Structure formats: C-alpha cells, structure tokens
Amino acid sequence: MKDGEAFLNRSAQQVVDGMIAEAGRLGIGHSRGSLGEHLIDAGAQSPGSLEAGLRMVDICMGGLGIASVSLDRHSSRWPLSIEVRSSQPVLACLGSQYAGWQLSHEKYFAMGSGPVRTLARVEPLFEEIRYREPGAESSVVVLETATPPPAAIVEKVAKAAGLTPDRLTFVYAPTQSIAGCVQIVGRVLEVALHKAHDLKFPLDAIVDGIGKAPIPAPHPDFLKAMGRTNDAIIYGGLVQLFVRGSAAAARDLAEHLTSEGSRDYGQPFSEIFRKFNGDFYAIDPHLFSPAEVIVTAIEAGETFRAGKTNIDMLEQSLG
C-alpha cells in the first residue's frame, strides 16, 4: 500500500457509516458528543450484537482484515468462534488494531485502537511502521470501555490526528458485552504479531496470517469477563503465519511464539490479574499470545508447529 491513500481510515469510515445506517438491526446507539464527535455505543447502554462486534474488528483492522464467526457443535464445549485473517497482517494488526494508545484524563482511562493511530503516531511502534495517511479526512477510534470519552480526550485525539472533533467517531463497548467479547477475541492474530515483534522477528518478513479462537459467553463482572476473553486466546487461540526467510528462523519463531512459554502460564487470567493487584503491566507480556501456532516458511516450503489448546484451563475460565 502507498502512503497518502488513506485506505485504513477511509475503509473504517465506510464501516462506521454502515453501522449508523443499520443501528437498529445491530443493536447499537449513535449520538453526537459535546464537540460534535460521533459516538457509537456498541454494548454499554445499547445491547449490541455479534455483528456489531465483527464491525468493530473490521474498523480496528482498517479494512485489511476479514473476520467471521462460526458455530460448530462438534468443536468441544465452546462451539462459537471467531476467525480473523489478513494478507497485510503487520499493517492491519500492529498499524491499526493494536490497542497501543493510552487515553486518560482524570479518572477516565481507555486504550485506543483503530486507524486513528496511523494519524496520531504517538507510539514508539510507529518508528518502525513507516506507513502514513496524511490525506485522511476522518478517522475512527475503538475503545474497550462502558463510557464515551470526555471532551478532553476528544480534543486530545483530534489534535494528535490533525482533524476537527466532528470528523472523529468513537466506537465503544465494555468487555462485559457481546460486541466487546467479539472485538477482544478478534485480536487473536494481532497478539501473535505483537509477540513476534517482541521476539525481534522482522516484521517485513510476515506476509500473511490467520487466527481463530473461541468466543466466550459475556459475564457481568468485569474481572471475569476480562479473564474469559484473554483466556480464550491464551489457552484456546490458534494462529498460522506465513513468513519469508529461512526455515531455521521460522522454526525459532514457532518455538517461542506460544503462550505456554510464559512464566505466568497455567492459571486463569483473572487469578493472575488479582495476584498482581490489578497491575496489567506487571504480568509477563509473553503470556499474551495464542495457545497454538503454525509458522510456514514459504521460501523453504517447511512448516513448524508449537503449543496446544489447553482444555483444562478453558474449562476453568470459560465455564
């Protein structure tokens, strides 16, 4: 993709326009904030839906991913799953989907996802991801929260993105909602890309990818809901990456990419979170990766597998 085309932001805006037009069918609410920003409630005061969650995944990936849900009665006790794939996984997952922008003001805190990150470029990650969209006329922010952003956050995002507030849309849903569950577990491919980056695997060598994970039932308790969505990936996620380079490099990536190598592996995420007194950043970052991976070295024609689904942990967490 070429700089300046504004593909990610334009694609996300098209999804937003469709969500607004189909708000009733999707179970979402649309309103305007005090600064003229668009607000889409996908699961807080509105009921939301599986489809609303899928649209959030589409927005997060800036139109460079394809997400779908499926129901298979023969796939254990959690037959509902999400599958996400992208032929531009680095840009879709790390350049857009990754929740890497901390947005806080007084007591409000949320992590921002979506193509607005390519405009703001406030994260160190964008020193490596050179892609830019200076021609974007609007943008979208996805927030994992039950409350819309205060005016101070809207102003902060608008200033960083170089847009007026009325050209921004904030789509939000809490973890406890149906849409929230879908959009969080829809990051199964993204966490693999982020882990690969942490392992210093060259991002430009990752050419395609697909991931799948079970979608847990929502839970009204935030901690349990957060635990379920994380455990769905950590103990039930499956990702395949297609990479360039040597077979040895692909083998090494596969061997280190799964969650089971983490020091905190083997407990429900909610218990791990409690153990560290709610300090998310004290948890071993290597835990945030899929349970099972397949890495194919396309130039060598070899495929390497590592990890496995942990049914016992899924039973403890997902119920």
C-alpha atoms as a PDB file:
ATOM      1  CA  MET A   1       0.000   0.000   0.000  1.00  0.00           C
ATOM      2  CA  LYS A   2       1.145   3.536  -0.752  1.00  0.00           C
ATOM      3  CA  ASP A   3       1.341   6.384   1.719  1.00  0.00           C
ATOM      4  CA  GLY A   4      -1.294   9.069   1.373  1.00  0.00           C
ATOM      5  CA  GLU A   5      -4.097   6.868   0.073  1.00  0.00           C
ATOM      6  CA  ALA A   6      -5.860   6.976   3.477  1.00  0.00           C
ATOM      7  CA  PHE A   7      -7.066   3.421   2.878  1.00  0.00           C
ATOM      8  CA  LEU A   8      -7.284   2.408   6.544  1.00  0.00           C
ATOM      9  CA  ASN A   9      -9.184   5.479   7.670  1.00  0.00           C
ATOM     10  CA  ARG A  10     -11.417   5.609   4.615  1.00  0.00           C
ATOM     11  CA  SER A  11     -12.313   1.927   4.992  1.00  0.00           C
ATOM     12  CA  ALA A  12     -13.059   2.364   8.688  1.00  0.00           C
ATOM     13  CA  GLN A  13     -15.287   5.340   7.928  1.00  0.00           C
ATOM     14  CA  GLN A  14     -17.275   3.250   5.456  1.00  0.00           C
ATOM     15  CA  VAL A  15     -17.883   0.641   8.183  1.00  0.00           C
ATOM     16  CA  VAL A  16     -18.966   3.394  10.587  1.00  0.00           C
ATOM     17  CA  ASP A  17     -21.377   4.836   8.030  1.00  0.00           C
ATOM     18  CA  GLY A  18     -22.907   1.378   7.606  1.00  0.00           C
ATOM     19  CA  MET A  19     -23.211   0.906  11.373  1.00  0.00           C
ATOM     20  CA  ILE A  20     -25.049   4.205  11.748  1.00  0.00           C
ATOM     21  CA  ALA A  21     -27.385   3.342   8.888  1.00  0.00           C
ATOM     22  CA  GLU A  22     -28.123  -0.072  10.416  1.00  0.00           C
ATOM     23  CA  ALA A  23     -28.062   0.926  14.074  1.00  0.00           C
ATOM     24  CA  GLY A  24     -31.414  -0.670  14.894  1.00  0.00           C
ATOM     25  CA  ARG A  25     -30.525  -4.012  13.337  1.00  0.00           C
ATOM     26  CA  LEU A  26     -27.120  -4.073  15.040  1.00  0.00           C
ATOM     27  CA  GLY A  27     -28.498  -3.130  18.465  1.00  0.00           C
ATOM     28  CA  ILE A  28     -26.263  -0.075  18.772  1.00  0.00           C
ATOM     29  CA  GLY A  29     -26.788   3.601  19.530  1.00  0.00           C
ATOM     30  CA  HIS A  30     -25.498   6.670  17.687  1.00  0.00           C
ATOM     31  CA  SER A  31     -25.243  10.194  19.062  1.00  0.00           C
ATOM     32  CA  ARG A  32     -23.126  13.321  18.913  1.00  0.00           C
ATOM     33  CA  GLY A  33     -20.831  14.470  21.704  1.00  0.00           C
ATOM     34  CA  SER A  34     -20.399  17.981  23.024  1.00  0.00           C
ATOM     35  CA  LEU A  35     -17.702  18.804  20.464  1.00  0.00           C
ATOM     36  CA  GLY A  36     -19.600  17.335  17.529  1.00  0.00           C
ATOM     37  CA  GLU A  37     -17.824  13.972  17.595  1.00  0.00           C
ATOM     38  CA  HIS A  38     -19.763  10.868  16.606  1.00  0.00           C
ATOM     39  CA  LEU A  39     -20.351   8.349  19.397  1.00  0.00           C
ATOM     40  CA  ILE A  40     -21.368   4.755  18.733  1.00  0.00           C
ATOM     41  CA  ASP A  41     -22.430   2.739  21.758  1.00  0.00           C
ATOM     42  CA  ALA A  42     -21.980  -0.895  20.719  1.00  0.00           C
ATOM     43  CA  GLY A  43     -22.651  -2.553  24.045  1.00  0.00           C
ATOM     44  CA  ALA A  44     -22.857  -0.179  27.029  1.00  0.00           C
ATOM     45  CA  GLN A  45     -26.379   1.268  27.243  1.00  0.00           C
ATOM     46  CA  SER A  46     -27.216  -0.457  23.957  1.00  0.00           C
ATOM     47  CA  PRO A  47     -27.433  -4.272  23.756  1.00  0.00           C
ATOM     48  CA  GLY A  48     -25.025  -4.636  20.850  1.00  0.00           C
ATOM     49  CA  SER A  49     -24.664  -7.889  18.931  1.00  0.00           C
ATOM     50  CA  LEU A  50     -22.249 -10.389  17.420  1.00  0.00           C
ATOM     51  CA  GLU A  51     -22.417  -8.454  14.168  1.00  0.00           C
ATOM     52  CA  ALA A  52     -21.621  -5.180  15.930  1.00  0.00           C
ATOM     53  CA  GLY A  53     -18.535  -6.865  17.368  1.00  0.00           C
ATOM     54  CA  LEU A  54     -17.467  -8.013  13.910  1.00  0.00           C
ATOM     55  CA  ARG A  55     -17.879  -4.486  12.592  1.00  0.00           C
ATOM     56  CA  MET A  56     -15.628  -3.284  15.415  1.00  0.00           C
ATOM     57  CA  VAL A  57     -12.987  -5.803  14.317  1.00  0.00           C
ATOM     58  CA  ASP A  58     -13.318  -4.531  10.734  1.00  0.00           C
ATOM     59  CA  ILE A  59     -12.793  -0.970  11.933  1.00  0.00           C
ATOM     60  CA  CYS A  60      -9.836  -1.933  14.108  1.00  0.00           C
ATOM     61  CA  MET A  61      -8.122  -3.605  11.157  1.00  0.00           C
ATOM     62  CA  GLY A  62      -8.816  -0.695   8.824  1.00  0.00           C
ATOM     63  CA  GLY A  63     -10.407  -2.807   6.122  1.00  0.00           C
ATOM     64  CA  LEU A  64      -7.310  -5.001   5.793  1.00  0.00           C
ATOM     65  CA  GLY A  65      -8.789  -7.965   7.637  1.00  0.00           C
ATOM     66  CA  ILE A  66     -11.678 -10.355   7.213  1.00  0.00           C
ATOM     67  CA  ALA A  67     -13.473 -11.539  10.341  1.00  0.00           C
ATOM     68  CA  SER A  68     -16.280 -14.055  10.680  1.00  0.00           C
ATOM     69  CA  VAL A  69     -17.980 -16.091  13.382  1.00  0.00           C
ATOM     70  CA  SER A  70     -18.964 -19.719  13.092  1.00  0.00           C
ATOM     71  CA  LEU A  71     -20.851 -22.251  15.174  1.00  0.00           C
ATOM     72  CA  ASP A  72     -19.682 -25.870  15.180  1.00  0.00           C
ATOM     73  CA  ARG A  73     -21.410 -28.256  17.573  1.00  0.00           C
ATOM     74  CA  HIS A  74     -18.537 -30.741  17.189  1.00  0.00           C
ATOM     75  CA  SER A  75     -15.807 -28.351  18.404  1.00  0.00           C
ATOM     76  CA  SER A  76     -15.918 -29.022  22.153  1.00  0.00           C
ATOM     77  CA  ARG A  77     -17.922 -27.056  24.694  1.00  0.00           C
ATOM     78  CA  TRP A  78     -17.267 -23.684  23.047  1.00  0.00           C
ATOM     79  CA  PRO A  79     -18.664 -24.058  19.547  1.00  0.00           C
ATOM     80  CA  LEU A  80     -18.848 -20.330  18.818  1.00  0.00           C
ATOM     81  CA  SER A  81     -15.576 -18.975  17.473  1.00  0.00           C
ATOM     82  CA  ILE A  82     -14.141 -16.071  15.542  1.00  0.00           C
ATOM     83  CA  GLU A  83     -11.741 -16.365  12.618  1.00  0.00           C
ATOM     84  CA  VAL A  84      -9.640 -13.403  11.506  1.00  0.00           C
ATOM     85  CA  ARG A  85      -7.295 -13.243   8.550  1.00  0.00           C
ATOM     86  CA  SER A  86      -5.265 -10.623   6.731  1.00  0.00           C
ATOM     87  CA  SER A  87      -2.939 -10.522   3.750  1.00  0.00           C
ATOM     88  CA  GLN A  88      -1.381  -7.352   5.194  1.00  0.00           C
ATOM     89  CA  PRO A  89      -1.163  -8.517   8.799  1.00  0.00           C
ATOM     90  CA  VAL A  90       1.506  -6.124  10.044  1.00  0.00           C
ATOM     91  CA  LEU A  91      -0.330  -3.001   8.933  1.00  0.00           C
ATOM     92  CA  ALA A  92      -3.772  -4.369   9.835  1.00  0.00           C
ATOM     93  CA  CYS A  93      -2.825  -5.713  13.251  1.00  0.00           C
ATOM     94  CA  LEU A  94       0.041  -3.553  14.504  1.00  0.00           C
ATOM     95  CA  GLY A  95      -0.548  -0.407  12.486  1.00  0.00           C
ATOM     96  CA  SER A  96      -4.244  -0.242  13.279  1.00  0.00           C
ATOM     97  CA  GLN A  97      -5.807  -2.931  15.500  1.00  0.00           C
ATOM     98  CA  TYR A  98      -3.327  -2.974  18.378  1.00  0.00           C
ATOM     99  CA  ALA A  99      -4.665  -1.152  21.460  1.00  0.00           C
ATOM    100  CA  GLY A 100      -1.488   0.833  21.939  1.00  0.00           C
ATOM    101  CA  TRP A 101      -2.691   4.376  22.588  1.00  0.00           C
ATOM    102  CA  GLN A 102      -3.300   5.181  26.264  1.00  0.00           C
ATOM    103  CA  LEU A 103      -6.058   7.761  26.562  1.00  0.00           C
ATOM    104  CA  SER A 104      -6.533   9.112  30.062  1.00  0.00           C
ATOM    105  CA  HIS A 105      -7.988  12.205  31.713  1.00  0.00           C
ATOM    106  CA  GLU A 106      -8.612  12.443  35.441  1.00  0.00           C
ATOM    107  CA  LYS A 107     -10.462   9.202  36.312  1.00  0.00           C
ATOM    108  CA  TYR A 108     -11.132   8.220  32.694  1.00  0.00           C
ATOM    109  CA  PHE A 109      -8.825   5.656  31.095  1.00  0.00           C
ATOM    110  CA  ALA A 110      -9.112   3.628  27.907  1.00  0.00           C
ATOM    111  CA  MET A 111      -6.812   2.096  25.316  1.00  0.00           C
ATOM    112  CA  GLY A 112      -7.346   3.375  21.806  1.00  0.00           C
ATOM    113  CA  SER A 113      -7.398   1.094  18.773  1.00  0.00           C
ATOM    114  CA  GLY A 114      -8.037   1.675  15.113  1.00  0.00           C
ATOM    115  CA  PRO A 115      -6.672   3.598  12.146  1.00  0.00           C
ATOM    116  CA  VAL A 116      -6.567   6.906  14.042  1.00  0.00           C
ATOM    117  CA  ARG A 117      -3.258   5.586  15.397  1.00  0.00           C
ATOM    118  CA  THR A 118      -1.720   5.936  11.922  1.00  0.00           C
ATOM    119  CA  LEU A 119      -2.552   9.643  12.058  1.00  0.00           C
ATOM    120  CA  ALA A 120      -1.510  10.367  15.634  1.00  0.00           C
ATOM    121  CA  ARG A 121       1.664   8.259  15.526  1.00  0.00           C
ATOM    122  CA  VAL A 122       2.342   8.864  19.223  1.00  0.00           C
ATOM    123  CA  GLU A 123       3.567   5.312  19.946  1.00  0.00           C
ATOM    124  CA  PRO A 124       7.197   4.147  19.546  1.00  0.00           C
ATOM    125  CA  LEU A 125       5.909   1.354  17.293  1.00  0.00           C
ATOM    126  CA  PHE A 126       5.443   3.881  14.504  1.00  0.00           C
ATOM    127  CA  GLU A 127       9.181   4.422  14.335  1.00  0.00           C
ATOM    128  CA  GLU A 128       9.175   1.011  12.629  1.00  0.00           C
ATOM    129  CA  ILE A 129       5.861   1.192  10.799  1.00  0.00           C
ATOM    130  CA  ARG A 130       6.543   3.895   8.247  1.00  0.00           C
ATOM    131  CA  TYR A 131       3.147   3.870   6.579  1.00  0.00           C
ATOM    132  CA  ARG A 132       1.320   7.213   6.737  1.00  0.00           C
ATOM    133  CA  GLU A 133      -2.103   8.540   5.762  1.00  0.00           C
ATOM    134  CA  PRO A 134      -1.764  12.336   5.662  1.00  0.00           C
ATOM    135  CA  GLY A 135      -4.737  12.656   3.325  1.00  0.00           C
ATOM    136  CA  ALA A 136      -7.301  11.199   5.747  1.00  0.00           C
ATOM    137  CA  GLU A 137     -10.442  13.332   6.032  1.00  0.00           C
ATOM    138  CA  SER A 138     -11.922  11.475   9.024  1.00  0.00           C
ATOM    139  CA  SER A 139     -10.967   8.769  11.472  1.00  0.00           C
ATOM    140  CA  VAL A 140     -12.285   6.219  13.931  1.00  0.00           C
ATOM    141  CA  VAL A 141     -11.253   5.219  17.442  1.00  0.00           C
ATOM    142  CA  VAL A 142     -12.309   1.950  19.114  1.00  0.00           C
ATOM    143  CA  LEU A 143     -12.415   1.910  22.914  1.00  0.00           C
ATOM    144  CA  GLU A 144     -12.894  -1.014  25.298  1.00  0.00           C
ATOM    145  CA  THR A 145     -14.998   0.877  27.829  1.00  0.00           C
ATOM    146  CA  ALA A 146     -18.561   1.370  29.053  1.00  0.00           C
ATOM    147  CA  THR A 147     -18.452   5.167  28.870  1.00  0.00           C
ATOM    148  CA  PRO A 148     -17.878   7.594  25.999  1.00  0.00           C
ATOM    149  CA  PRO A 149     -14.742   9.730  26.126  1.00  0.00           C
ATOM    150  CA  PRO A 150     -14.852  13.100  27.885  1.00  0.00           C
ATOM    151  CA  ALA A 151     -14.313  16.272  25.884  1.00  0.00           C
ATOM    152  CA  ALA A 152     -10.667  16.462  26.963  1.00  0.00           C
ATOM    153  CA  ILE A 153      -9.963  13.069  25.360  1.00  0.00           C
ATOM    154  CA  VAL A 154     -11.798  14.043  22.189  1.00  0.00           C
ATOM    155  CA  GLU A 155      -9.713  17.222  21.976  1.00  0.00           C
ATOM    156  CA  LYS A 156      -6.503  15.256  22.583  1.00  0.00           C
ATOM    157  CA  VAL A 157      -7.282  12.756  19.820  1.00  0.00           C
ATOM    158  CA  ALA A 158      -8.386  15.462  17.397  1.00  0.00           C
ATOM    159  CA  LYS A 159      -5.202  17.467  17.939  1.00  0.00           C
ATOM    160  CA  ALA A 160      -2.938  14.427  17.559  1.00  0.00           C
ATOM    161  CA  ALA A 161      -4.764  13.242  14.431  1.00  0.00           C
ATOM    162  CA  GLY A 162      -4.900  16.679  12.836  1.00  0.00           C
ATOM    163  CA  LEU A 163      -8.684  16.596  12.498  1.00  0.00           C
ATOM    164  CA  THR A 164     -11.584  18.564  13.918  1.00  0.00           C
ATOM    165  CA  PRO A 165     -13.689  16.685  16.508  1.00  0.00           C
ATOM    166  CA  ASP A 166     -16.672  16.423  14.166  1.00  0.00           C
ATOM    167  CA  ARG A 167     -14.516  14.291  11.832  1.00  0.00           C
ATOM    168  CA  LEU A 168     -13.938  11.693  14.550  1.00  0.00           C
ATOM    169  CA  THR A 169     -16.023   8.678  15.555  1.00  0.00           C
ATOM    170  CA  PHE A 170     -15.556   6.868  18.857  1.00  0.00           C
ATOM    171  CA  VAL A 171     -16.928   3.325  18.924  1.00  0.00           C
ATOM    172  CA  TYR A 172     -17.059   1.825  22.400  1.00  0.00           C
ATOM    173  CA  ALA A 173     -18.228  -1.359  24.113  1.00  0.00           C
ATOM    174  CA  PRO A 174     -17.329  -2.824  27.510  1.00  0.00           C
ATOM    175  CA  THR A 175     -15.674  -6.197  27.945  1.00  0.00           C
ATOM    176  CA  GLN A 176     -18.885  -7.490  29.552  1.00  0.00           C
ATOM    177  CA  SER A 177     -20.894  -7.030  26.324  1.00  0.00           C
ATOM    178  CA  ILE A 178     -21.401  -9.355  23.369  1.00  0.00           C
ATOM    179  CA  ALA A 179     -19.701  -6.939  20.960  1.00  0.00           C
ATOM    180  CA  GLY A 180     -16.906  -6.367  23.459  1.00  0.00           C
ATOM    181  CA  CYS A 181     -16.201 -10.105  23.671  1.00  0.00           C
ATOM    182  CA  VAL A 182     -16.107 -10.435  19.900  1.00  0.00           C
ATOM    183  CA  GLN A 183     -13.799  -7.496  19.263  1.00  0.00           C
ATOM    184  CA  ILE A 184     -11.361  -8.521  22.012  1.00  0.00           C
ATOM    185  CA  VAL A 185     -11.097 -12.182  20.982  1.00  0.00           C
ATOM    186  CA  GLY A 186     -10.888 -10.878  17.403  1.00  0.00           C
ATOM    187  CA  ARG A 187      -7.353  -9.816  18.326  1.00  0.00           C
ATOM    188  CA  VAL A 188      -6.101 -13.406  18.240  1.00  0.00           C
ATOM    189  CA  LEU A 189      -3.983 -12.727  15.137  1.00  0.00           C
ATOM    190  CA  GLU A 190      -2.868  -9.346  16.455  1.00  0.00           C
ATOM    191  CA  VAL A 191      -1.421 -10.767  19.682  1.00  0.00           C
ATOM    192  CA  ALA A 192       0.671 -13.184  17.609  1.00  0.00           C
ATOM    193  CA  LEU A 193       2.014 -10.273  15.542  1.00  0.00           C
ATOM    194  CA  HIS A 194       2.769  -8.286  18.676  1.00  0.00           C
ATOM    195  CA  LYS A 195       4.575 -11.254  20.238  1.00  0.00           C
ATOM    196  CA  ALA A 196       6.588 -11.744  17.034  1.00  0.00           C
ATOM    197  CA  HIS A 197       7.592  -8.098  17.230  1.00  0.00           C
ATOM    198  CA  ASP A 198       8.661  -8.515  20.866  1.00  0.00           C
ATOM    199  CA  LEU A 199      10.749 -11.509  19.779  1.00  0.00           C
ATOM    200  CA  LYS A 200      12.534  -9.254  17.254  1.00  0.00           C
ATOM    201  CA  PHE A 201      11.286 -11.221  14.270  1.00  0.00           C
ATOM    202  CA  PRO A 202      11.476  -8.916  11.229  1.00  0.00           C
ATOM    203  CA  LEU A 203       8.008  -7.536  10.587  1.00  0.00           C
ATOM    204  CA  ASP A 204       8.538  -7.216   6.846  1.00  0.00           C
ATOM    205  CA  ALA A 205       9.045 -10.993   6.692  1.00  0.00           C
ATOM    206  CA  ILE A 206       5.456 -11.680   7.829  1.00  0.00           C
ATOM    207  CA  VAL A 207       3.361 -11.794   4.671  1.00  0.00           C
ATOM    208  CA  ASP A 208       0.043 -13.398   5.632  1.00  0.00           C
ATOM    209  CA  GLY A 209      -1.785 -14.710   8.660  1.00  0.00           C
ATOM    210  CA  ILE A 210      -4.955 -16.229  10.057  1.00  0.00           C
ATOM    211  CA  GLY A 211      -6.173 -16.845  13.591  1.00  0.00           C
ATOM    212  CA  LYS A 212      -9.100 -18.451  15.372  1.00  0.00           C
ATOM    213  CA  ALA A 213     -10.303 -18.561  18.978  1.00  0.00           C
ATOM    214  CA  PRO A 214     -13.476 -19.437  20.907  1.00  0.00           C
ATOM    215  CA  ILE A 215     -15.838 -16.601  21.810  1.00  0.00           C
ATOM    216  CA  PRO A 216     -16.761 -16.923  25.490  1.00  0.00           C
ATOM    217  CA  ALA A 217     -20.133 -16.031  26.931  1.00  0.00           C
ATOM    218  CA  PRO A 218     -20.188 -12.480  28.319  1.00  0.00           C
ATOM    219  CA  HIS A 219     -20.118 -12.085  32.091  1.00  0.00           C
ATOM    220  CA  PRO A 220     -21.481  -9.075  34.031  1.00  0.00           C
ATOM    221  CA  ASP A 221     -18.422  -8.972  36.303  1.00  0.00           C
ATOM    222  CA  PHE A 222     -15.611  -7.033  34.613  1.00  0.00           C
ATOM    223  CA  LEU A 223     -12.775  -9.137  36.009  1.00  0.00           C
ATOM    224  CA  LYS A 224     -14.395 -12.415  34.959  1.00  0.00           C
ATOM    225  CA  ALA A 225     -15.289 -11.011  31.554  1.00  0.00           C
ATOM    226  CA  MET A 226     -11.712  -9.800  31.016  1.00  0.00           C
ATOM    227  CA  GLY A 227     -10.385 -13.154  32.194  1.00  0.00           C
ATOM    228  CA  ARG A 228     -12.563 -15.065  29.760  1.00  0.00           C
ATOM    229  CA  THR A 229     -11.618 -13.005  26.709  1.00  0.00           C
ATOM    230  CA  ASN A 230      -7.903 -13.222  27.479  1.00  0.00           C
ATOM    231  CA  ASP A 231      -8.028 -16.935  28.280  1.00  0.00           C
ATOM    232  CA  ALA A 232      -9.883 -17.639  25.033  1.00  0.00           C
ATOM    233  CA  ILE A 233      -6.722 -16.562  23.192  1.00  0.00           C
ATOM    234  CA  ILE A 234      -4.056 -17.635  25.698  1.00  0.00           C
ATOM    235  CA  TYR A 235      -5.435 -21.161  26.129  1.00  0.00           C
ATOM    236  CA  GLY A 236      -7.609 -21.603  23.030  1.00  0.00           C
ATOM    237  CA  GLY A 237      -6.201 -19.450  20.238  1.00  0.00           C
ATOM    238  CA  LEU A 238      -4.711 -20.893  17.036  1.00  0.00           C
ATOM    239  CA  VAL A 239      -2.687 -18.792  14.588  1.00  0.00           C
ATOM    240  CA  GLN A 240      -0.903 -19.590  11.348  1.00  0.00           C
ATOM    241  CA  LEU A 241       1.665 -17.174   9.963  1.00  0.00           C
ATOM    242  CA  PHE A 242       3.283 -17.279   6.526  1.00  0.00           C
ATOM    243  CA  VAL A 243       6.774 -15.811   6.571  1.00  0.00           C
ATOM    244  CA  ARG A 244       9.741 -15.173   4.317  1.00  0.00           C
ATOM    245  CA  GLY A 245      13.240 -16.135   5.323  1.00  0.00           C
ATOM    246  CA  SER A 246      14.985 -19.288   6.424  1.00  0.00           C
ATOM    247  CA  ALA A 247      13.381 -22.409   7.803  1.00  0.00           C
ATOM    248  CA  ALA A 248      15.516 -22.014  10.920  1.00  0.00           C
ATOM    249  CA  ALA A 249      14.079 -18.551  11.589  1.00  0.00           C
ATOM    250  CA  ALA A 250      10.534 -19.844  11.106  1.00  0.00           C
ATOM    251  CA  ARG A 251      11.199 -22.752  13.456  1.00  0.00           C
ATOM    252  CA  ASP A 252      12.600 -20.434  16.102  1.00  0.00           C
ATOM    253  CA  LEU A 253       9.578 -18.147  15.821  1.00  0.00           C
ATOM    254  CA  ALA A 254       7.168 -21.048  16.239  1.00  0.00           C
ATOM    255  CA  GLU A 255       9.041 -22.381  19.267  1.00  0.00           C
ATOM    256  CA  HIS A 256       8.855 -19.044  21.097  1.00  0.00           C
ATOM    257  CA  LEU A 257       5.523 -17.665  19.905  1.00  0.00           C
ATOM    258  CA  THR A 258       3.033 -19.599  22.047  1.00  0.00           C
ATOM    259  CA  SER A 259       1.739 -18.587  25.470  1.00  0.00           C
ATOM    260  CA  GLU A 260       2.905 -21.742  27.254  1.00  0.00           C
ATOM    261  CA  GLY A 261       6.460 -20.422  27.484  1.00  0.00           C
ATOM    262  CA  SER A 262       5.360 -17.572  29.754  1.00  0.00           C
ATOM    263  CA  ARG A 263       6.208 -17.625  33.452  1.00  0.00           C
ATOM    264  CA  ASP A 264       2.540 -16.829  34.232  1.00  0.00           C
ATOM    265  CA  TYR A 265       1.069 -19.585  32.064  1.00  0.00           C
ATOM    266  CA  GLY A 266      -1.175 -22.151  33.766  1.00  0.00           C
ATOM    267  CA  GLN A 267      -3.669 -20.037  35.720  1.00  0.00           C
ATOM    268  CA  PRO A 268      -6.912 -18.314  34.713  1.00  0.00           C
ATOM    269  CA  PHE A 269      -6.143 -14.768  33.676  1.00  0.00           C
ATOM    270  CA  SER A 270      -8.460 -13.318  36.329  1.00  0.00           C
ATOM    271  CA  GLU A 271      -6.383 -15.021  39.039  1.00  0.00           C
ATOM    272  CA  ILE A 272      -3.145 -13.747  37.512  1.00  0.00           C
ATOM    273  CA  PHE A 273      -4.608 -10.244  37.425  1.00  0.00           C
ATOM    274  CA  ARG A 274      -5.550 -10.457  41.110  1.00  0.00           C
ATOM    275  CA  LYS A 275      -2.108 -11.812  42.010  1.00  0.00           C
ATOM    276  CA  PHE A 276      -0.510  -8.682  40.595  1.00  0.00           C
ATOM    277  CA  ASN A 277      -3.066  -6.430  42.336  1.00  0.00           C
ATOM    278  CA  GLY A 278      -4.615  -5.319  39.084  1.00  0.00           C
ATOM    279  CA  ASP A 279      -1.329  -4.094  37.598  1.00  0.00           C
ATOM    280  CA  PHE A 280      -1.714  -5.183  33.988  1.00  0.00           C
ATOM    281  CA  TYR A 281       1.876  -4.253  33.167  1.00  0.00           C
ATOM    282  CA  ALA A 282       3.303  -6.494  35.912  1.00  0.00           C
ATOM    283  CA  ILE A 283       2.041  -9.570  34.060  1.00  0.00           C
ATOM    284  CA  ASP A 284       4.595 -11.296  31.839  1.00  0.00           C
ATOM    285  CA  PRO A 285       3.967  -9.774  28.378  1.00  0.00           C
ATOM    286  CA  HIS A 286       4.880 -13.105  26.764  1.00  0.00           C
ATOM    287  CA  LEU A 287       1.653 -14.537  28.158  1.00  0.00           C
ATOM    288  CA  PHE A 288      -0.341 -12.534  25.635  1.00  0.00           C
ATOM    289  CA  SER A 289      -0.065 -14.884  22.693  1.00  0.00           C
ATOM    290  CA  PRO A 290      -2.044 -17.777  21.190  1.00  0.00           C
ATOM    291  CA  ALA A 291      -2.086 -21.271  22.637  1.00  0.00           C
ATOM    292  CA  GLU A 292      -1.040 -22.904  19.382  1.00  0.00           C
ATOM    293  CA  VAL A 293       0.861 -21.641  16.358  1.00  0.00           C
ATOM    294  CA  ILE A 294       1.800 -22.808  12.894  1.00  0.00           C
ATOM    295  CA  VAL A 295       4.573 -20.971  11.068  1.00  0.00           C
ATOM    296  CA  THR A 296       5.149 -21.664   7.390  1.00  0.00           C
ATOM    297  CA  ALA A 297       8.420 -20.627   5.764  1.00  0.00           C
ATOM    298  CA  ILE A 298       7.114 -20.019   2.252  1.00  0.00           C
ATOM    299  CA  GLU A 299      10.522 -19.827   0.565  1.00  0.00           C
ATOM    300  CA  ALA A 300      11.770 -23.039   2.176  1.00  0.00           C
ATOM    301  CA  GLY A 301       8.451 -24.873   1.896  1.00  0.00           C
ATOM    302  CA  GLU A 302       8.575 -26.006   5.520  1.00  0.00           C
ATOM    303  CA  THR A 303       6.011 -25.673   8.297  1.00  0.00           C
ATOM    304  CA  PHE A 304       6.604 -25.713  12.048  1.00  0.00           C
ATOM    305  CA  ARG A 305       4.075 -26.221  14.842  1.00  0.00           C
ATOM    306  CA  ALA A 306       4.162 -25.484  18.548  1.00  0.00           C
ATOM    307  CA  GLY A 307       1.820 -25.320  21.518  1.00  0.00           C
ATOM    308  CA  LYS A 308      -1.614 -26.808  22.057  1.00  0.00           C
ATOM    309  CA  THR A 309      -5.104 -25.928  23.207  1.00  0.00           C
ATOM    310  CA  ASN A 310      -5.388 -26.164  26.992  1.00  0.00           C
ATOM    311  CA  ILE A 311      -8.857 -27.618  27.575  1.00  0.00           C
ATOM    312  CA  ASP A 312      -8.460 -27.733  31.353  1.00  0.00           C
ATOM    313  CA  MET A 313      -7.781 -24.016  31.561  1.00  0.00           C
ATOM    314  CA  LEU A 314     -10.628 -23.204  29.177  1.00  0.00           C
ATOM    315  CA  GLU A 315     -12.998 -25.224  31.378  1.00  0.00           C
ATOM    316  CA  GLN A 316     -11.855 -23.318  34.461  1.00  0.00           C
ATOM    317  CA  SER A 317     -12.209 -19.918  32.816  1.00  0.00           C
ATOM    318  CA  LEU A 318     -14.939 -20.132  30.190  1.00  0.00           C
ATOM    319  CA  GLY A 319     -17.173 -22.482  32.198  1.00  0.00           C
END
